[in-house]
């Protein structure tokens, strides 16, 4: 079973800029950039971050392909 995780990496300065511009806390911005929330404002924060130098990462967790290998 594979799991996917997405997050947007930005500098602390950009995170603070987004928080000040939209008058929210940095924790709200962090939740949006870590895809913990999906409100309309969270989508705006993510778009703003990507348009101002943020990088989107998608991490895929996969099962161990070697779990059926017998070690002698």
Protein backbone atom coordinates (compact mmCIF):
# COMPACT_ATOMS: atom_id res chain seq x y z
CA UNK A 1 0.00 0.00 0.00
CA UNK A 2 1.50 3.33 -1.05
CA UNK A 3 0.91 6.62 0.74
CA UNK A 4 1.45 10.08 -0.73
CA UNK A 5 2.35 13.23 1.15
CA UNK A 6 2.62 16.71 -0.32
CA UNK A 7 4.05 19.87 1.14
CA UNK A 8 5.32 23.22 -0.06
CA UNK A 9 8.69 24.35 1.19
CA UNK A 10 9.24 28.10 1.60
CA UNK A 11 11.61 30.33 3.50
CA UNK A 12 10.65 31.67 6.90
CA UNK A 13 10.59 35.16 5.44
CA UNK A 14 8.03 34.16 2.80
CA UNK A 15 5.91 32.37 5.40
CA UNK A 16 5.92 35.53 7.55
CA UNK A 17 5.12 37.66 4.48
CA UNK A 18 2.07 35.52 3.65
CA UNK A 19 0.89 35.70 7.27
CA UNK A 20 1.24 39.49 7.37
CA UNK A 21 -0.31 40.04 3.94
CA UNK A 22 -3.42 37.97 4.70
CA UNK A 23 -3.56 38.88 8.43
CA UNK A 24 -3.34 35.30 9.71
CA UNK A 25 -0.90 33.46 11.97
CA UNK A 26 2.17 31.66 10.69
CA UNK A 27 0.66 28.43 12.07
CA UNK A 28 -2.31 28.90 9.71
CA UNK A 29 0.09 29.35 6.80
CA UNK A 30 2.11 26.29 7.86
CA UNK A 31 -1.04 24.15 8.01
CA UNK A 32 -1.99 25.26 4.53
CA UNK A 33 1.49 24.61 3.10
CA UNK A 34 1.54 21.13 4.68
CA UNK A 35 -1.89 20.34 3.15
CA UNK A 36 -3.44 19.86 6.60
CA UNK A 37 -6.29 22.19 5.59
CA UNK A 38 -8.10 22.64 2.30
CA UNK A 39 -10.14 25.79 2.80
CA UNK A 40 -10.39 28.45 0.08
CA UNK A 41 -7.89 30.62 1.97
CA UNK A 42 -5.47 27.66 2.31
CA UNK A 43 -5.55 27.22 -1.46
CA UNK A 44 -4.78 30.92 -1.88
CA UNK A 45 -1.81 30.64 0.50
CA UNK A 46 -0.45 27.66 -1.45
CA UNK A 47 -0.84 29.44 -4.79
CA UNK A 48 0.85 32.56 -3.41
CA UNK A 49 3.73 30.50 -2.03
CA UNK A 50 4.27 28.65 -5.33
CA UNK A 51 4.12 31.89 -7.32
CA UNK A 52 6.73 33.48 -5.06
CA UNK A 53 9.43 30.81 -5.11
CA UNK A 54 8.00 27.97 -3.01
CA UNK A 55 8.75 24.40 -4.04
CA UNK A 56 6.12 21.67 -4.09
CA UNK A 57 7.30 18.24 -2.95
CA UNK A 58 5.40 14.99 -3.32
CA UNK A 59 6.71 12.11 -1.23
CA UNK A 60 5.53 8.59 -1.93
CA UNK A 61 5.92 5.93 0.73
CA UNK A 62 6.04 2.43 -0.73
CA UNK A 63 6.16 -1.02 0.81
CA UNK A 64 9.48 -2.76 1.19
CA UNK A 65 10.16 -4.55 -2.13
CA UNK A 66 12.65 -6.84 -0.41
CA UNK A 67 10.42 -8.19 2.33
CA UNK A 68 10.10 -11.59 0.60
CA UNK A 69 13.83 -12.01 0.02
CA UNK A 70 15.39 -14.81 2.05
CA UNK A 71 18.76 -13.99 3.54
CA UNK A 72 21.05 -16.99 3.85
